[in-house]
Amino acid sequence: MTEESKKLPHPVIRRLPKYLARVHELLHAEVEWVSSQELAEALNLTSSTVRQDLSYLDLTGISKRGYETSSLDAALNKELDSSSHHHIVIVGAGYLGCALAVHGSFAGHGFQTCGIFDIDPSIIGSRVGILKVQPMKNLQQIVDKFGVDIGIIAVPAAAAQEVADQLVAAGVKGLLNLAYASIQIPAGVSMLDARILASLQELAYMIKSKNEETADG
């Protein structure tokens, strides 16, 4: 299989971490085997979706037994490159940025936060966990020092593009955009939008739809 043919569709990529989280729960419970149907029920998917997603992995299930959880864990970690270590900076030391800076699970999954930055003189120099809020003029130095490859944009929408430009100019190759704004990036940079407001709006629509279904029933 060529590298191009192995490239995963984006919806599959989004589901793989959910499989991994579920597999970790099963391993913790000392469950040795799991079927596609069991994964589907746990994650609110169809069993055919699960089988199709897992067919991209270097793994083969066994008829009537499913997937060995330890082997599935290893295959998912390999595909998600979980063994690699990534270095992160956060731009925006508001409530969201600070909450991310002290998130306890990042380091355990290979993501090390190396700096948090802001332009507000009143908070520059303040402590956020073990980090100190730094001015943007220090961004390049920290990126170079730690080999930072991921930048989290946690600023107001109006400032998002400028921050993205600064991160890209500093050499960061992956951006997680938490701002409610569209950002333009060069071809060599990867970006993922993670918009909380949009997710809340989608959730509100889902609640409304279910309420309407109940009323009609």
C-alpha atoms as a PDB file:
ATOM      1  CA  MET A   1       0.000   0.000   0.000  1.00  0.00           C
ATOM      2  CA  THR A   2       1.426   3.334  -1.005  1.00  0.00           C
ATOM      3  CA  GLU A   3       1.642   6.281   1.377  1.00  0.00           C
ATOM      4  CA  GLU A   4      -0.920   8.155  -0.723  1.00  0.00           C
ATOM      5  CA  SER A   5      -3.435   5.297  -0.681  1.00  0.00           C
ATOM      6  CA  LYS A   6      -2.992   4.905   3.058  1.00  0.00           C
ATOM      7  CA  LYS A   7      -3.870   8.524   3.763  1.00  0.00           C
ATOM      8  CA  LEU A   8      -6.815   8.504   6.132  1.00  0.00           C
ATOM      9  CA  PRO A   9     -10.012  10.480   5.462  1.00  0.00           C
ATOM     10  CA  HIS A  10     -10.455  13.311   7.924  1.00  0.00           C
ATOM     11  CA  PRO A  11     -13.623  11.839   9.560  1.00  0.00           C
ATOM     12  CA  VAL A  12     -11.641   8.683  10.333  1.00  0.00           C
ATOM     13  CA  ILE A  13      -8.806  10.706  11.861  1.00  0.00           C
ATOM     14  CA  ARG A  14     -11.323  12.463  14.109  1.00  0.00           C
ATOM     15  CA  ARG A  15     -12.681   9.131  15.354  1.00  0.00           C
ATOM     16  CA  LEU A  16      -9.365   7.382  16.047  1.00  0.00           C
ATOM     17  CA  PRO A  17      -8.703   9.237  19.346  1.00  0.00           C
ATOM     18  CA  LYS A  18     -12.190   8.177  20.509  1.00  0.00           C
ATOM     19  CA  TYR A  19     -11.314   4.545  19.814  1.00  0.00           C
ATOM     20  CA  LEU A  20      -8.050   4.968  21.692  1.00  0.00           C
ATOM     21  CA  ALA A  21      -9.772   6.474  24.737  1.00  0.00           C
ATOM     22  CA  ARG A  22     -12.251   3.595  24.786  1.00  0.00           C
ATOM     23  CA  VAL A  23      -9.472   1.014  24.410  1.00  0.00           C
ATOM     24  CA  HIS A  24      -7.652   2.573  27.379  1.00  0.00           C
ATOM     25  CA  GLU A  25     -10.819   2.114  29.450  1.00  0.00           C
ATOM     26  CA  LEU A  26     -11.007  -1.540  28.396  1.00  0.00           C
ATOM     27  CA  LEU A  27      -7.349  -2.151  29.195  1.00  0.00           C
ATOM     28  CA  HIS A  28      -7.829  -0.574  32.611  1.00  0.00           C
ATOM     29  CA  ALA A  29     -10.756  -2.947  33.161  1.00  0.00           C
ATOM     30  CA  GLU A  30      -8.542  -5.865  31.999  1.00  0.00           C
ATOM     31  CA  VAL A  31     -10.791  -6.636  29.024  1.00  0.00           C
ATOM     32  CA  GLU A  32      -8.720  -8.660  26.562  1.00  0.00           C
ATOM     33  CA  TRP A  33     -10.961  -8.605  23.482  1.00  0.00           C
ATOM     34  CA  VAL A  34     -13.452  -6.155  22.006  1.00  0.00           C
ATOM     35  CA  SER A  35     -15.757  -6.498  19.015  1.00  0.00           C
ATOM     36  CA  SER A  36     -16.639  -3.845  16.461  1.00  0.00           C
ATOM     37  CA  GLN A  37     -20.224  -3.998  17.732  1.00  0.00           C
ATOM     38  CA  GLU A  38     -19.113  -3.286  21.307  1.00  0.00           C
ATOM     39  CA  LEU A  39     -17.023  -0.331  20.151  1.00  0.00           C
ATOM     40  CA  ALA A  40     -19.897   0.926  18.033  1.00  0.00           C
ATOM     41  CA  GLU A  41     -22.346   0.831  20.939  1.00  0.00           C
ATOM     42  CA  ALA A  42     -19.900   2.555  23.279  1.00  0.00           C
ATOM     43  CA  LEU A  43     -19.146   5.363  20.806  1.00  0.00           C
ATOM     44  CA  ASN A  44     -22.608   5.724  19.235  1.00  0.00           C
ATOM     45  CA  LEU A  45     -21.418   4.533  15.829  1.00  0.00           C
ATOM     46  CA  THR A  46     -22.423   1.726  13.499  1.00  0.00           C
ATOM     47  CA  SER A  47     -20.424  -1.494  13.526  1.00  0.00           C
ATOM     48  CA  SER A  48     -19.750  -1.096   9.792  1.00  0.00           C
ATOM     49  CA  THR A  49     -18.218   2.344  10.446  1.00  0.00           C
ATOM     50  CA  VAL A  50     -15.980   0.863  13.131  1.00  0.00           C
ATOM     51  CA  ARG A  51     -14.849  -1.996  10.881  1.00  0.00           C
ATOM     52  CA  GLN A  52     -14.150   0.398   8.018  1.00  0.00           C
ATOM     53  CA  ASP A  53     -12.189   2.786  10.269  1.00  0.00           C
ATOM     54  CA  LEU A  54     -10.092   0.034  11.797  1.00  0.00           C
ATOM     55  CA  SER A  55      -9.360  -1.460   8.377  1.00  0.00           C
ATOM     56  CA  TYR A  56      -6.920   1.433   7.887  1.00  0.00           C
ATOM     57  CA  LEU A  57      -4.807   0.143  10.785  1.00  0.00           C
ATOM     58  CA  ASP A  58      -2.062  -2.440  10.682  1.00  0.00           C
ATOM     59  CA  LEU A  59      -4.332  -4.871  12.506  1.00  0.00           C
ATOM     60  CA  THR A  60      -6.606  -7.811  11.764  1.00  0.00           C
ATOM     61  CA  GLY A  61      -9.590  -8.850  13.840  1.00  0.00           C
ATOM     62  CA  ILE A  62     -10.496 -12.453  14.590  1.00  0.00           C
ATOM     63  CA  SER A  63     -13.907 -13.846  13.715  1.00  0.00           C
ATOM     64  CA  LYS A  64     -16.281 -14.091  16.714  1.00  0.00           C
ATOM     65  CA  ARG A  65     -13.664 -12.556  19.018  1.00  0.00           C
ATOM     66  CA  GLY A  66     -13.018  -9.156  17.526  1.00  0.00           C
ATOM     67  CA  TYR A  67      -9.807  -7.258  18.269  1.00  0.00           C
ATOM     68  CA  GLU A  68      -7.273  -7.966  20.956  1.00  0.00           C
ATOM     69  CA  THR A  69      -7.353  -4.770  23.033  1.00  0.00           C
ATOM     70  CA  SER A  70      -3.595  -4.594  23.563  1.00  0.00           C
ATOM     71  CA  SER A  71      -2.950  -5.003  19.826  1.00  0.00           C
ATOM     72  CA  LEU A  72      -5.631  -2.441  19.000  1.00  0.00           C
ATOM     73  CA  ASP A  73      -4.070  -0.030  21.486  1.00  0.00           C
ATOM     74  CA  ALA A  74      -0.655  -0.463  19.843  1.00  0.00           C
ATOM     75  CA  ALA A  75      -2.070  -0.017  16.323  1.00  0.00           C
ATOM     76  CA  LEU A  76      -3.988   3.131  17.270  1.00  0.00           C
ATOM     77  CA  ASN A  77      -0.976   4.625  19.028  1.00  0.00           C
ATOM     78  CA  LYS A  78       1.177   3.893  15.983  1.00  0.00           C
ATOM     79  CA  GLU A  79      -1.297   5.496  13.564  1.00  0.00           C
ATOM     80  CA  LEU A  80      -1.766   8.557  15.782  1.00  0.00           C
ATOM     81  CA  ASP A  81       1.995   8.818  16.332  1.00  0.00           C
ATOM     82  CA  SER A  82       1.362   8.860  20.081  1.00  0.00           C
ATOM     83  CA  SER A  83       4.940   7.862  20.829  1.00  0.00           C
ATOM     84  CA  SER A  84       6.199  11.171  19.434  1.00  0.00           C
ATOM     85  CA  HIS A  85       6.633  14.188  21.678  1.00  0.00           C
ATOM     86  CA  HIS A  86       5.272  17.539  20.597  1.00  0.00           C
ATOM     87  CA  HIS A  87       6.058  20.929  22.055  1.00  0.00           C
ATOM     88  CA  ILE A  88       3.305  23.506  22.380  1.00  0.00           C
ATOM     89  CA  VAL A  89       2.978  27.228  22.908  1.00  0.00           C
ATOM     90  CA  ILE A  90      -0.279  28.964  23.793  1.00  0.00           C
ATOM     91  CA  VAL A  91      -0.999  32.496  22.624  1.00  0.00           C
ATOM     92  CA  GLY A  92      -3.645  34.149  24.768  1.00  0.00           C
ATOM     93  CA  ALA A  93      -3.490  34.094  28.568  1.00  0.00           C
ATOM     94  CA  GLY A  94      -7.197  34.569  29.190  1.00  0.00           C
ATOM     95  CA  TYR A  95      -9.329  32.035  31.027  1.00  0.00           C
ATOM     96  CA  LEU A  96      -9.214  29.504  28.183  1.00  0.00           C
ATOM     97  CA  GLY A  97      -5.495  29.814  27.523  1.00  0.00           C
ATOM     98  CA  CYS A  98      -4.652  29.531  31.214  1.00  0.00           C
ATOM     99  CA  ALA A  99      -6.909  26.496  31.623  1.00  0.00           C
ATOM    100  CA  LEU A 100      -5.091  24.776  28.764  1.00  0.00           C
ATOM    101  CA  ALA A 101      -1.686  25.726  30.168  1.00  0.00           C
ATOM    102  CA  VAL A 102      -2.373  23.867  33.422  1.00  0.00           C
ATOM    103  CA  HIS A 103      -4.169  20.917  31.811  1.00  0.00           C
ATOM    104  CA  GLY A 104      -2.770  17.870  33.545  1.00  0.00           C
ATOM    105  CA  SER A 105      -3.238  15.314  30.775  1.00  0.00           C
ATOM    106  CA  PHE A 106      -1.249  16.895  27.953  1.00  0.00           C
ATOM    107  CA  ALA A 107       2.208  15.847  29.115  1.00  0.00           C
ATOM    108  CA  GLY A 108       1.103  12.271  29.724  1.00  0.00           C
ATOM    109  CA  HIS A 109       0.062  12.006  26.086  1.00  0.00           C
ATOM    110  CA  GLY A 110       3.213  13.479  24.577  1.00  0.00           C
ATOM    111  CA  PHE A 111       2.290  17.176  24.455  1.00  0.00           C
ATOM    112  CA  GLN A 112       4.587  19.461  26.451  1.00  0.00           C
ATOM    113  CA  THR A 113       3.485  23.082  26.933  1.00  0.00           C
ATOM    114  CA  CYS A 114       6.603  25.243  26.730  1.00  0.00           C
ATOM    115  CA  GLY A 115       5.203  28.760  26.935  1.00  0.00           C
ATOM    116  CA  ILE A 116       2.163  30.989  27.182  1.00  0.00           C
ATOM    117  CA  PHE A 117       2.096  34.457  25.612  1.00  0.00           C
ATOM    118  CA  ASP A 118      -0.007  37.607  25.691  1.00  0.00           C
ATOM    119  CA  ILE A 119       0.158  41.301  24.758  1.00  0.00           C
ATOM    120  CA  ASP A 120      -1.518  42.632  27.917  1.00  0.00           C
ATOM    121  CA  PRO A 121       1.163  44.297  30.092  1.00  0.00           C
ATOM    122  CA  SER A 122      -0.970  43.759  33.198  1.00  0.00           C
ATOM    123  CA  ILE A 123      -0.667  39.966  32.994  1.00  0.00           C
ATOM    124  CA  ILE A 124       2.773  39.547  31.407  1.00  0.00           C
ATOM    125  CA  GLY A 125       5.037  38.104  34.079  1.00  0.00           C
ATOM    126  CA  SER A 126       2.210  36.485  36.040  1.00  0.00           C
ATOM    127  CA  ARG A 127       2.332  32.777  36.818  1.00  0.00           C
ATOM    128  CA  VAL A 128       0.148  30.138  35.165  1.00  0.00           C
ATOM    129  CA  GLY A 129       1.075  26.883  36.827  1.00  0.00           C
ATOM    130  CA  ILE A 130       4.803  26.435  36.305  1.00  0.00           C
ATOM    131  CA  LEU A 131       4.848  28.849  33.374  1.00  0.00           C
ATOM    132  CA  LYS A 132       5.204  32.612  33.302  1.00  0.00           C
ATOM    133  CA  VAL A 133       3.175  34.675  30.822  1.00  0.00           C
ATOM    134  CA  GLN A 134       5.618  36.084  28.288  1.00  0.00           C
ATOM    135  CA  PRO A 135       5.421  38.939  25.760  1.00  0.00           C
ATOM    136  CA  MET A 136       5.099  38.074  22.087  1.00  0.00           C
ATOM    137  CA  LYS A 137       8.628  39.343  21.432  1.00  0.00           C
ATOM    138  CA  ASN A 138       9.889  36.182  23.188  1.00  0.00           C
ATOM    139  CA  LEU A 139       7.937  33.814  20.909  1.00  0.00           C
ATOM    140  CA  GLN A 140      10.736  33.126  18.431  1.00  0.00           C
ATOM    141  CA  GLN A 141      13.208  32.403  21.217  1.00  0.00           C
ATOM    142  CA  ILE A 142      10.946  29.808  22.851  1.00  0.00           C
ATOM    143  CA  VAL A 143      10.045  28.167  19.525  1.00  0.00           C
ATOM    144  CA  ASP A 144      13.720  27.798  18.676  1.00  0.00           C
ATOM    145  CA  LYS A 145      14.760  26.675  22.155  1.00  0.00           C
ATOM    146  CA  PHE A 146      12.214  23.861  22.495  1.00  0.00           C
ATOM    147  CA  GLY A 147      11.563  23.023  18.845  1.00  0.00           C
ATOM    148  CA  VAL A 148       7.917  23.993  19.211  1.00  0.00           C
ATOM    149  CA  ASP A 149       5.746  22.477  16.486  1.00  0.00           C
ATOM    150  CA  ILE A 150       2.205  23.271  17.705  1.00  0.00           C
ATOM    151  CA  GLY A 151       0.710  26.649  18.506  1.00  0.00           C
ATOM    152  CA  ILE A 152      -2.668  27.072  20.204  1.00  0.00           C
ATOM    153  CA  ILE A 153      -4.513  30.263  19.290  1.00  0.00           C
ATOM    154  CA  ALA A 154      -6.671  31.314  22.252  1.00  0.00           C
ATOM    155  CA  VAL A 155      -7.224  34.995  21.463  1.00  0.00           C
ATOM    156  CA  PRO A 156     -10.239  37.092  20.383  1.00  0.00           C
ATOM    157  CA  ALA A 157     -11.308  36.604  16.769  1.00  0.00           C
ATOM    158  CA  ALA A 158      -9.999  39.993  15.665  1.00  0.00           C
ATOM    159  CA  ALA A 159      -6.450  39.053  16.672  1.00  0.00           C
ATOM    160  CA  ALA A 160      -6.451  35.445  15.415  1.00  0.00           C
ATOM    161  CA  GLN A 161      -4.963  36.025  11.950  1.00  0.00           C
ATOM    162  CA  GLU A 162      -2.130  38.187  13.262  1.00  0.00           C
ATOM    163  CA  VAL A 163      -1.284  35.579  15.900  1.00  0.00           C
ATOM    164  CA  ALA A 164      -1.366  32.811  13.289  1.00  0.00           C
ATOM    165  CA  ASP A 165       1.010  34.823  11.093  1.00  0.00           C
ATOM    166  CA  GLN A 166       3.411  35.297  14.020  1.00  0.00           C
ATOM    167  CA  LEU A 167       3.362  31.590  14.880  1.00  0.00           C
ATOM    168  CA  VAL A 168       3.987  30.583  11.273  1.00  0.00           C
ATOM    169  CA  ALA A 169       6.798  33.143  10.950  1.00  0.00           C
ATOM    170  CA  ALA A 170       8.390  31.662  14.074  1.00  0.00           C
ATOM    171  CA  GLY A 171       8.434  28.222  12.456  1.00  0.00           C
ATOM    172  CA  VAL A 172       5.425  26.514  14.055  1.00  0.00           C
ATOM    173  CA  LYS A 173       4.018  23.886  11.684  1.00  0.00           C
ATOM    174  CA  GLY A 174       0.681  23.072  13.332  1.00  0.00           C
ATOM    175  CA  LEU A 175      -2.010  25.426  14.621  1.00  0.00           C
ATOM    176  CA  LEU A 176      -5.017  24.681  16.831  1.00  0.00           C
ATOM    177  CA  ASN A 177      -7.422  27.549  16.271  1.00  0.00           C
ATOM    178  CA  LEU A 178      -9.766  28.170  19.205  1.00  0.00           C
ATOM    179  CA  ALA A 179     -10.795  31.614  17.957  1.00  0.00           C
ATOM    180  CA  TYR A 180     -14.165  32.091  16.280  1.00  0.00           C
ATOM    181  CA  ALA A 181     -12.514  33.303  13.076  1.00  0.00           C
ATOM    182  CA  SER A 182     -11.338  31.975   9.726  1.00  0.00           C
ATOM    183  CA  ILE A 183      -7.569  31.968   9.358  1.00  0.00           C
ATOM    184  CA  GLN A 184      -5.444  31.802   6.230  1.00  0.00           C
ATOM    185  CA  ILE A 185      -2.254  29.758   6.440  1.00  0.00           C
ATOM    186  CA  PRO A 186       0.483  28.738   3.971  1.00  0.00           C
ATOM    187  CA  ALA A 187       0.390  25.310   2.328  1.00  0.00           C
ATOM    188  CA  GLY A 188       3.168  23.896   4.496  1.00  0.00           C
ATOM    189  CA  VAL A 189       1.291  24.472   7.760  1.00  0.00           C
ATOM    190  CA  SER A 190      -1.467  22.285   9.233  1.00  0.00           C
ATOM    191  CA  MET A 191      -4.413  23.765  11.098  1.00  0.00           C
ATOM    192  CA  LEU A 192      -7.402  22.431  12.988  1.00  0.00           C
ATOM    193  CA  ASP A 193     -10.352  24.597  14.003  1.00  0.00           C
ATOM    194  CA  ALA A 194     -11.743  23.729  17.434  1.00  0.00           C
ATOM    195  CA  ARG A 195     -14.511  26.228  17.925  1.00  0.00           C
ATOM    196  CA  ILE A 196     -16.335  25.861  21.214  1.00  0.00           C
ATOM    197  CA  LEU A 197     -19.146  28.247  20.267  1.00  0.00           C
ATOM    198  CA  ALA A 198     -19.831  26.382  17.026  1.00  0.00           C
ATOM    199  CA  SER A 199     -19.954  23.107  18.946  1.00  0.00           C
ATOM    200  CA  LEU A 200     -22.390  24.611  21.461  1.00  0.00           C
ATOM    201  CA  GLN A 201     -24.584  25.827  18.613  1.00  0.00           C
ATOM    202  CA  GLU A 202     -24.511  22.359  17.049  1.00  0.00           C
ATOM    203  CA  LEU A 203     -25.397  20.813  20.414  1.00  0.00           C
ATOM    204  CA  ALA A 204     -28.287  23.280  20.866  1.00  0.00           C
ATOM    205  CA  TYR A 205     -29.624  22.247  17.454  1.00  0.00           C
ATOM    206  CA  MET A 206     -29.378  18.561  18.400  1.00  0.00           C
ATOM    207  CA  ILE A 207     -31.321  19.194  21.628  1.00  0.00           C
ATOM    208  CA  LYS A 208     -33.970  21.129  19.683  1.00  0.00           C
ATOM    209  CA  SER A 209     -34.293  18.317  17.120  1.00  0.00           C
ATOM    210  CA  LYS A 210     -34.734  15.665  19.794  1.00  0.00           C
ATOM    211  CA  ASN A 211     -37.319  17.791  21.587  1.00  0.00           C
ATOM    212  CA  GLU A 212     -39.242  18.129  18.332  1.00  0.00           C
ATOM    213  CA  GLU A 213     -39.039  14.362  17.759  1.00  0.00           C
ATOM    214  CA  THR A 214     -40.415  13.745  21.264  1.00  0.00           C
ATOM    215  CA  ALA A 215     -43.228  16.250  20.703  1.00  0.00           C
ATOM    216  CA  ASP A 216     -44.151  14.653  17.367  1.00  0.00           C
ATOM    217  CA  GLY A 217     -44.107  11.204  18.912  1.00  0.00           C
END
